[in-house]
Amino acid sequence: MGSSFYLVIVGSRDDPVYEADLGPSSKAPPVPEGTKKEESKHLNQFIIHSALDIVEEVQWNTTATYLKVVDKFNEFLISAFVSAGS
């Protein structure tokens, strides 16, 4: 099975600026068994907002902008990139 990704760009006030499901063009991103696509979208948003708490802690302890894997949820790995902003 090919890899799939859920990309979210989050603003400085924790508001999603951009969201996209990225994956193989021939398939939609995998939805956990027993989960509808709409429920999956809400689950993704919950996972992202939960990981933001970790990102806020980690970003002050490093000078790196790529924070690598900051959290895991079931089979999902959550990575973060931090940029300068106001």
PDB file of N, CA and C in Angstrom:
ATOM      1  N   MET A   1       0.841  -1.162   0.000  1.00  0.00           N
ATOM      2  CA  MET A   1       0.000   0.000   0.000  1.00  0.00           C
ATOM      3  C   MET A   1       0.894   1.236   0.000  1.00  0.00           C
ATOM      4  N   GLY A   2       0.530   2.261  -0.777  1.00  0.00           N
ATOM      5  CA  GLY A   2       1.308   3.487  -0.836  1.00  0.00           C
ATOM      6  C   GLY A   2       1.086   4.356   0.382  1.00  0.00           C
ATOM      7  N   SER A   3       2.011   5.257   0.587  1.00  0.00           N
ATOM      8  CA  SER A   3       1.898   6.171   1.720  1.00  0.00           C
ATOM      9  C   SER A   3       0.877   7.251   1.420  1.00  0.00           C
ATOM     10  N   SER A   4       0.238   7.738   2.448  1.00  0.00           N
ATOM     11  CA  SER A   4      -0.658   8.879   2.296  1.00  0.00           C
ATOM     12  C   SER A   4      -0.369   9.852   3.428  1.00  0.00           C
ATOM     13  N   PHE A   5      -0.699  11.090   3.184  1.00  0.00           N
ATOM     14  CA  PHE A   5      -0.389  12.152   4.128  1.00  0.00           C
ATOM     15  C   PHE A   5      -1.572  13.089   4.261  1.00  0.00           C
ATOM     16  N   TYR A   6      -1.701  13.680   5.421  1.00  0.00           N
ATOM     17  CA  TYR A   6      -2.696  14.719   5.663  1.00  0.00           C
ATOM     18  C   TYR A   6      -1.903  15.962   6.019  1.00  0.00           C
ATOM     19  N   LEU A   7      -1.935  16.954   5.166  1.00  0.00           N
ATOM     20  CA  LEU A   7      -1.155  18.180   5.350  1.00  0.00           C
ATOM     21  C   LEU A   7      -2.062  19.282   5.877  1.00  0.00           C
ATOM     22  N   VAL A   8      -1.606  19.935   6.936  1.00  0.00           N
ATOM     23  CA  VAL A   8      -2.350  21.068   7.485  1.00  0.00           C
ATOM     24  C   VAL A   8      -1.368  22.199   7.744  1.00  0.00           C
ATOM     25  N   ILE A   9      -1.712  23.361   7.263  1.00  0.00           N
ATOM     26  CA  ILE A   9      -0.953  24.570   7.602  1.00  0.00           C
ATOM     27  C   ILE A   9      -1.808  25.308   8.626  1.00  0.00           C
ATOM     28  N   VAL A  10      -1.203  25.525   9.798  1.00  0.00           N
ATOM     29  CA  VAL A  10      -1.927  26.124  10.920  1.00  0.00           C
ATOM     30  C   VAL A  10      -1.394  27.522  11.164  1.00  0.00           C
ATOM     31  N   GLY A  11      -2.306  28.469  11.334  1.00  0.00           N
ATOM     32  CA  GLY A  11      -1.932  29.854  11.587  1.00  0.00           C
ATOM     33  C   GLY A  11      -1.459  30.075  13.012  1.00  0.00           C
ATOM     34  N   SER A  12      -1.024  31.277  13.290  1.00  0.00           N
ATOM     35  CA  SER A  12      -0.466  31.607  14.607  1.00  0.00           C
ATOM     36  C   SER A  12      -1.504  31.544  15.725  1.00  0.00           C
ATOM     37  N   ARG A  13      -2.766  31.528  15.371  1.00  0.00           N
ATOM     38  CA  ARG A  13      -3.827  31.421  16.388  1.00  0.00           C
ATOM     39  C   ARG A  13      -4.473  30.043  16.384  1.00  0.00           C
ATOM     40  N   ASP A  14      -3.701  29.045  15.957  1.00  0.00           N
ATOM     41  CA  ASP A  14      -4.144  27.646  15.913  1.00  0.00           C
ATOM     42  C   ASP A  14      -5.348  27.418  15.004  1.00  0.00           C
ATOM     43  N   ASP A  15      -5.497  28.252  13.987  1.00  0.00           N
ATOM     44  CA  ASP A  15      -6.575  28.074  13.029  1.00  0.00           C
ATOM     45  C   ASP A  15      -6.027  27.460  11.741  1.00  0.00           C
ATOM     46  N   PRO A  16      -6.712  26.436  11.198  1.00  0.00           N
ATOM     47  CA  PRO A  16      -6.215  25.820   9.964  1.00  0.00           C
ATOM     48  C   PRO A  16      -6.340  26.791   8.789  1.00  0.00           C
ATOM     49  N   VAL A  17      -5.224  27.008   8.106  1.00  0.00           N
ATOM     50  CA  VAL A  17      -5.189  27.907   6.959  1.00  0.00           C
ATOM     51  C   VAL A  17      -5.377  27.101   5.677  1.00  0.00           C
ATOM     52  N   TYR A  18      -4.859  25.867   5.674  1.00  0.00           N
ATOM     53  CA  TYR A  18      -4.922  25.004   4.499  1.00  0.00           C
ATOM     54  C   TYR A  18      -4.925  23.551   4.950  1.00  0.00           C
ATOM     55  N   GLU A  19      -5.749  22.718   4.313  1.00  0.00           N
ATOM     56  CA  GLU A  19      -5.797  21.287   4.602  1.00  0.00           C
ATOM     57  C   GLU A  19      -5.843  20.518   3.290  1.00  0.00           C
ATOM     58  N   ALA A  20      -5.136  19.395   3.228  1.00  0.00           N
ATOM     59  CA  ALA A  20      -5.164  18.557   2.033  1.00  0.00           C
ATOM     60  C   ALA A  20      -4.846  17.113   2.386  1.00  0.00           C
ATOM     61  N   ASP A  21      -5.596  16.191   1.783  1.00  0.00           N
ATOM     62  CA  ASP A  21      -5.271  14.767   1.852  1.00  0.00           C
ATOM     63  C   ASP A  21      -4.361  14.473   0.680  1.00  0.00           C
ATOM     64  N   LEU A  22      -3.155  14.008   0.954  1.00  0.00           N
ATOM     65  CA  LEU A  22      -2.184  13.720  -0.092  1.00  0.00           C
ATOM     66  C   LEU A  22      -1.863  12.243  -0.075  1.00  0.00           C
ATOM     67  N   GLY A  23      -1.847  11.642  -1.220  1.00  0.00           N
ATOM     68  CA  GLY A  23      -1.533  10.228  -1.289  1.00  0.00           C
ATOM     69  C   GLY A  23      -1.423   9.782  -2.721  1.00  0.00           C
ATOM     70  N   PRO A  24      -1.345   8.476  -2.932  1.00  0.00           N
ATOM     71  CA  PRO A  24      -1.278   7.961  -4.301  1.00  0.00           C
ATOM     72  C   PRO A  24      -2.490   8.441  -5.099  1.00  0.00           C
ATOM     73  N   SER A  25      -2.268   8.837  -6.328  1.00  0.00           N
ATOM     74  CA  SER A  25      -3.352   9.384  -7.136  1.00  0.00           C
ATOM     75  C   SER A  25      -4.424   8.358  -7.452  1.00  0.00           C
ATOM     76  N   SER A  26      -4.087   7.083  -7.379  1.00  0.00           N
ATOM     77  CA  SER A  26      -5.057   6.050  -7.704  1.00  0.00           C
ATOM     78  C   SER A  26      -5.956   5.677  -6.531  1.00  0.00           C
ATOM     79  N   LYS A  27      -5.609   6.123  -5.334  1.00  0.00           N
ATOM     80  CA  LYS A  27      -6.387   5.749  -4.156  1.00  0.00           C
ATOM     81  C   LYS A  27      -6.581   6.952  -3.245  1.00  0.00           C
ATOM     82  N   ALA A  28      -7.673   6.929  -2.524  1.00  0.00           N
ATOM     83  CA  ALA A  28      -7.886   7.926  -1.479  1.00  0.00           C
ATOM     84  C   ALA A  28      -7.073   7.500  -0.267  1.00  0.00           C
ATOM     85  N   PRO A  29      -6.718   8.447   0.612  1.00  0.00           N
ATOM     86  CA  PRO A  29      -5.988   8.079   1.823  1.00  0.00           C
ATOM     87  C   PRO A  29      -6.774   7.052   2.632  1.00  0.00           C
ATOM     88  N   PRO A  30      -6.089   6.150   3.314  1.00  0.00           N
ATOM     89  CA  PRO A  30      -6.793   5.113   4.053  1.00  0.00           C
ATOM     90  C   PRO A  30      -7.615   5.696   5.191  1.00  0.00           C
ATOM     91  N   VAL A  31      -8.798   5.148   5.336  1.00  0.00           N
ATOM     92  CA  VAL A  31      -9.681   5.543   6.422  1.00  0.00           C
ATOM     93  C   VAL A  31      -9.689   4.387   7.401  1.00  0.00           C
ATOM     94  N   PRO A  32      -9.448   4.661   8.694  1.00  0.00           N
ATOM     95  CA  PRO A  32      -9.446   3.556   9.655  1.00  0.00           C
ATOM     96  C   PRO A  32     -10.731   2.737   9.562  1.00  0.00           C
ATOM     97  N   GLU A  33     -10.609   1.434   9.756  1.00  0.00           N
ATOM     98  CA  GLU A  33     -11.748   0.528   9.632  1.00  0.00           C
ATOM     99  C   GLU A  33     -12.887   0.978  10.528  1.00  0.00           C
ATOM    100  N   GLY A  34     -14.107   0.987   9.991  1.00  0.00           N
ATOM    101  CA  GLY A  34     -15.280   1.375  10.756  1.00  0.00           C
ATOM    102  C   GLY A  34     -15.476   2.875  10.853  1.00  0.00           C
ATOM    103  N   THR A  35     -14.678   3.653  10.113  1.00  0.00           N
ATOM    104  CA  THR A  35     -14.767   5.110  10.166  1.00  0.00           C
ATOM    105  C   THR A  35     -15.201   5.639   8.808  1.00  0.00           C
ATOM    106  N   LYS A  36     -16.200   6.510   8.808  1.00  0.00           N
ATOM    107  CA  LYS A  36     -16.646   7.143   7.574  1.00  0.00           C
ATOM    108  C   LYS A  36     -15.679   8.258   7.218  1.00  0.00           C
ATOM    109  N   LYS A  37     -15.692   8.671   5.940  1.00  0.00           N
ATOM    110  CA  LYS A  37     -14.752   9.686   5.483  1.00  0.00           C
ATOM    111  C   LYS A  37     -14.923  10.993   6.274  1.00  0.00           C
ATOM    112  N   GLU A  38     -16.152  11.415   6.524  1.00  0.00           N
ATOM    113  CA  GLU A  38     -16.393  12.657   7.272  1.00  0.00           C
ATOM    114  C   GLU A  38     -15.872  12.529   8.709  1.00  0.00           C
ATOM    115  N   GLU A  39     -16.059  11.359   9.315  1.00  0.00           N
ATOM    116  CA  GLU A  39     -15.539  11.123  10.660  1.00  0.00           C
ATOM    117  C   GLU A  39     -14.014  11.146  10.647  1.00  0.00           C
ATOM    118  N   SER A  40     -13.433  10.628   9.572  1.00  0.00           N
ATOM    119  CA  SER A  40     -11.977  10.614   9.435  1.00  0.00           C
ATOM    120  C   SER A  40     -11.436  12.034   9.389  1.00  0.00           C
ATOM    121  N   LYS A  41     -12.126  12.926   8.691  1.00  0.00           N
ATOM    122  CA  LYS A  41     -11.688  14.323   8.621  1.00  0.00           C
ATOM    123  C   LYS A  41     -11.691  14.949  10.012  1.00  0.00           C
ATOM    124  N   HIS A  42     -12.734  14.695  10.784  1.00  0.00           N
ATOM    125  CA  HIS A  42     -12.799  15.240  12.141  1.00  0.00           C
ATOM    126  C   HIS A  42     -11.727  14.614  13.033  1.00  0.00           C
ATOM    127  N   LEU A  43     -11.461  13.322  12.839  1.00  0.00           N
ATOM    128  CA  LEU A  43     -10.405  12.659  13.600  1.00  0.00           C
ATOM    129  C   LEU A  43      -9.055  13.280  13.275  1.00  0.00           C
ATOM    130  N   ASN A  44      -8.789  13.534  11.992  1.00  0.00           N
ATOM    131  CA  ASN A  44      -7.532  14.178  11.591  1.00  0.00           C
ATOM    132  C   ASN A  44      -7.386  15.541  12.254  1.00  0.00           C
ATOM    133  N   GLN A  45      -8.454  16.316  12.274  1.00  0.00           N
ATOM    134  CA  GLN A  45      -8.402  17.643  12.902  1.00  0.00           C
ATOM    135  C   GLN A  45      -8.134  17.521  14.399  1.00  0.00           C
ATOM    136  N   PHE A  46      -8.746  16.555  15.052  1.00  0.00           N
ATOM    137  CA  PHE A  46      -8.513  16.329  16.478  1.00  0.00           C
ATOM    138  C   PHE A  46      -7.048  15.971  16.736  1.00  0.00           C
ATOM    139  N   ILE A  47      -6.502  15.077  15.904  1.00  0.00           N
ATOM    140  CA  ILE A  47      -5.108  14.649  16.060  1.00  0.00           C
ATOM    141  C   ILE A  47      -4.169  15.838  15.881  1.00  0.00           C
ATOM    142  N   ILE A  48      -4.413  16.659  14.863  1.00  0.00           N
ATOM    143  CA  ILE A  48      -3.572  17.821  14.593  1.00  0.00           C
ATOM    144  C   ILE A  48      -3.618  18.808  15.755  1.00  0.00           C
ATOM    145  N   HIS A  49      -4.806  19.111  16.242  1.00  0.00           N
ATOM    146  CA  HIS A  49      -4.904  20.081  17.341  1.00  0.00           C
ATOM    147  C   HIS A  49      -4.282  19.539  18.625  1.00  0.00           C
ATOM    148  N   SER A  50      -4.387  18.245  18.836  1.00  0.00           N
ATOM    149  CA  SER A  50      -3.739  17.637  19.993  1.00  0.00           C
ATOM    150  C   SER A  50      -2.218  17.751  19.877  1.00  0.00           C
ATOM    151  N   ALA A  51      -1.695  17.520  18.677  1.00  0.00           N
ATOM    152  CA  ALA A  51      -0.245  17.600  18.455  1.00  0.00           C
ATOM    153  C   ALA A  51       0.270  19.035  18.576  1.00  0.00           C
ATOM    154  N   LEU A  52      -0.589  20.027  18.348  1.00  0.00           N
ATOM    155  CA  LEU A  52      -0.151  21.424  18.472  1.00  0.00           C
ATOM    156  C   LEU A  52       0.349  21.742  19.879  1.00  0.00           C
ATOM    157  N   ASP A  53      -0.254  21.117  20.884  1.00  0.00           N
ATOM    158  CA  ASP A  53       0.211  21.325  22.265  1.00  0.00           C
ATOM    159  C   ASP A  53       1.661  20.871  22.411  1.00  0.00           C
ATOM    160  N   ILE A  54       1.989  19.747  21.803  1.00  0.00           N
ATOM    161  CA  ILE A  54       3.355  19.226  21.868  1.00  0.00           C
ATOM    162  C   ILE A  54       4.296  20.128  21.080  1.00  0.00           C
ATOM    163  N   VAL A  55       3.853  20.573  19.906  1.00  0.00           N
ATOM    164  CA  VAL A  55       4.674  21.466  19.073  1.00  0.00           C
ATOM    165  C   VAL A  55       4.996  22.741  19.838  1.00  0.00           C
ATOM    166  N   GLU A  56       4.020  23.300  20.536  1.00  0.00           N
ATOM    167  CA  GLU A  56       4.245  24.537  21.295  1.00  0.00           C
ATOM    168  C   GLU A  56       5.298  24.350  22.378  1.00  0.00           C
ATOM    169  N   GLU A  57       5.363  23.171  22.972  1.00  0.00           N
ATOM    170  CA  GLU A  57       6.390  22.892  23.982  1.00  0.00           C
ATOM    171  C   GLU A  57       7.763  22.676  23.345  1.00  0.00           C
ATOM    172  N   VAL A  58       7.810  21.871  22.296  1.00  0.00           N
ATOM    173  CA  VAL A  58       9.073  21.477  21.669  1.00  0.00           C
ATOM    174  C   VAL A  58       9.758  22.640  20.962  1.00  0.00           C
ATOM    175  N   GLN A  59       8.999  23.512  20.343  1.00  0.00           N
ATOM    176  CA  GLN A  59       9.598  24.574  19.524  1.00  0.00           C
ATOM    177  C   GLN A  59      10.502  25.508  20.323  1.00  0.00           C
ATOM    178  N   TRP A  60      10.287  25.621  21.609  1.00  0.00           N
ATOM    179  CA  TRP A  60      11.097  26.542  22.427  1.00  0.00           C
ATOM    180  C   TRP A  60      12.396  25.910  22.902  1.00  0.00           C
ATOM    181  N   ASN A  61      12.540  24.596  22.683  1.00  0.00           N
ATOM    182  CA  ASN A  61      13.740  23.890  23.139  1.00  0.00           C
ATOM    183  C   ASN A  61      14.701  23.556  22.009  1.00  0.00           C
ATOM    184  N   THR A  62      14.477  24.114  20.826  1.00  0.00           N
ATOM    185  CA  THR A  62      15.335  23.819  19.683  1.00  0.00           C
ATOM    186  C   THR A  62      15.396  25.022  18.744  1.00  0.00           C
ATOM    187  N   THR A  63      16.457  25.077  17.958  1.00  0.00           N
ATOM    188  CA  THR A  63      16.546  26.128  16.940  1.00  0.00           C
ATOM    189  C   THR A  63      16.125  25.592  15.578  1.00  0.00           C
ATOM    190  N   ALA A  64      15.817  24.297  15.514  1.00  0.00           N
ATOM    191  CA  ALA A  64      15.404  23.677  14.256  1.00  0.00           C
ATOM    192  C   ALA A  64      13.994  24.110  13.882  1.00  0.00           C
ATOM    193  N   THR A  65      13.749  24.208  12.585  1.00  0.00           N
ATOM    194  CA  THR A  65      12.388  24.511  12.126  1.00  0.00           C
ATOM    195  C   THR A  65      11.616  23.225  11.833  1.00  0.00           C
ATOM    196  N   TYR A  66      12.330  22.143  11.483  1.00  0.00           N
ATOM    197  CA  TYR A  66      11.685  20.850  11.274  1.00  0.00           C
ATOM    198  C   TYR A  66      11.784  20.074  12.574  1.00  0.00           C
ATOM    199  N   LEU A  67      10.653  19.779  13.181  1.00  0.00           N
ATOM    200  CA  LEU A  67      10.639  19.129  14.489  1.00  0.00           C
ATOM    201  C   LEU A  67      10.544  17.607  14.409  1.00  0.00           C
ATOM    202  N   LYS A  68      10.576  17.051  13.199  1.00  0.00           N
ATOM    203  CA  LYS A  68      10.492  15.606  12.982  1.00  0.00           C
ATOM    204  C   LYS A  68       9.197  15.068  13.576  1.00  0.00           C
ATOM    205  N   VAL A  69       9.200  13.851  14.069  1.00  0.00           N
ATOM    206  CA  VAL A  69       7.982  13.252  14.620  1.00  0.00           C
ATOM    207  C   VAL A  69       7.783  13.769  16.042  1.00  0.00           C
ATOM    208  N   VAL A  70       6.688  14.491  16.249  1.00  0.00           N
ATOM    209  CA  VAL A  70       6.407  15.051  17.572  1.00  0.00           C
ATOM    210  C   VAL A  70       5.367  14.234  18.329  1.00  0.00           C
ATOM    211  N   ASP A  71       4.598  13.409  17.598  1.00  0.00           N
ATOM    212  CA  ASP A  71       3.542  12.637  18.242  1.00  0.00           C
ATOM    213  C   ASP A  71       3.187  11.445  17.355  1.00  0.00           C
ATOM    214  N   LYS A  72       2.551  10.450  17.962  1.00  0.00           N
ATOM    215  CA  LYS A  72       2.053   9.285  17.241  1.00  0.00           C
ATOM    216  C   LYS A  72       0.626   9.034  17.689  1.00  0.00           C
ATOM    217  N   PHE A  73      -0.216   8.644  16.750  1.00  0.00           N
ATOM    218  CA  PHE A  73      -1.596   8.263  17.067  1.00  0.00           C
ATOM    219  C   PHE A  73      -1.915   7.034  16.241  1.00  0.00           C
ATOM    220  N   ASN A  74      -2.065   5.895  16.885  1.00  0.00           N
ATOM    221  CA  ASN A  74      -2.236   4.611  16.196  1.00  0.00           C
ATOM    222  C   ASN A  74      -1.141   4.447  15.154  1.00  0.00           C
ATOM    223  N   GLU A  75      -1.506   4.341  13.872  1.00  0.00           N
ATOM    224  CA  GLU A  75      -0.497   4.158  12.832  1.00  0.00           C
ATOM    225  C   GLU A  75      -0.022   5.479  12.241  1.00  0.00           C
ATOM    226  N   PHE A  76      -0.514   6.588  12.745  1.00  0.00           N
ATOM    227  CA  PHE A  76      -0.158   7.899  12.209  1.00  0.00           C
ATOM    228  C   PHE A  76       1.048   8.492  12.934  1.00  0.00           C
ATOM    229  N   LEU A  77       1.983   9.054  12.178  1.00  0.00           N
ATOM    230  CA  LEU A  77       3.117   9.785  12.734  1.00  0.00           C
ATOM    231  C   LEU A  77       2.895  11.253  12.431  1.00  0.00           C
ATOM    232  N   ILE A  78       3.007  12.110  13.422  1.00  0.00           N
ATOM    233  CA  ILE A  78       2.754  13.530  13.254  1.00  0.00           C
ATOM    234  C   ILE A  78       4.089  14.263  13.298  1.00  0.00           C
ATOM    235  N   SER A  79       4.421  14.925  12.192  1.00  0.00           N
ATOM    236  CA  SER A  79       5.638  15.725  12.080  1.00  0.00           C
ATOM    237  C   SER A  79       5.234  17.192  12.014  1.00  0.00           C
ATOM    238  N   ALA A  80       6.167  18.063  12.356  1.00  0.00           N
ATOM    239  CA  ALA A  80       5.848  19.487  12.337  1.00  0.00           C
ATOM    240  C   ALA A  80       7.001  20.300  11.775  1.00  0.00           C
ATOM    241  N   PHE A  81       6.643  21.365  11.106  1.00  0.00           N
ATOM    242  CA  PHE A  81       7.572  22.356  10.585  1.00  0.00           C
ATOM    243  C   PHE A  81       7.122  23.685  11.186  1.00  0.00           C
ATOM    244  N   VAL A  82       8.009  24.417  11.797  1.00  0.00           N
ATOM    245  CA  VAL A  82       7.654  25.683  12.419  1.00  0.00           C
ATOM    246  C   VAL A  82       8.319  26.807  11.639  1.00  0.00           C
ATOM    247  N   SER A  83       7.571  27.857  11.350  1.00  0.00           N
ATOM    248  CA  SER A  83       8.155  28.994  10.643  1.00  0.00           C
ATOM    249  C   SER A  83       7.998  30.238  11.488  1.00  0.00           C
ATOM    250  N   ALA A  84       8.784  31.248  11.142  1.00  0.00           N
ATOM    251  CA  ALA A  84       8.666  32.527  11.845  1.00  0.00           C
ATOM    252  C   ALA A  84       7.342  33.163  11.452  1.00  0.00           C
ATOM    253  N   GLY A  85       6.689  33.758  12.366  1.00  0.00           N
ATOM    254  CA  GLY A  85       5.399  34.378  12.084  1.00  0.00           C
ATOM    255  C   GLY A  85       5.054  35.388  13.145  1.00  0.00           C
ATOM    256  N   SER A  86       4.018  36.102  12.873  1.00  0.00           N
ATOM    257  CA  SER A  86       3.584  37.109  13.856  1.00  0.00           C
ATOM    258  C   SER A  86       2.326  36.694  14.535  1.00  0.00           C
TER     259      SER A  86
END
